[in-house]
Amino acid sequence: MMQQGKGRSRRLFASHVLLLIWTATLFAAPPSPRLDSPAEGNWAVSVGEVAPPFELKDVNGKVWTLAQFAGKPVVLFFWGSW
């Protein structure tokens, strides 16, 4: 009976250590950089900011620009297969 209690204590201790390491890693990770220039190839936009201008081609080859939807709500759905 004593051996079972010892094994359970070790598992509990190990799970606490792993949780502590995971939490420390989460808070130690640096924030993602904010790229403000379109020349850098990427923009980070916060809630309430104006979206950068862009254009996309649909499956039929028609080019759509964000400016075409000025004043209308736009929902973008990103999906990747990687």
Foldseek 3Di string as FASTA:
>chain_A
DVVVVVVVVVVVVVVVVVVVVVVVVVVVDDDDDADPDVVVVDGDDDPPDDDDWDWDADPVGDIDIPVVQPPHDDDDDDDDDD
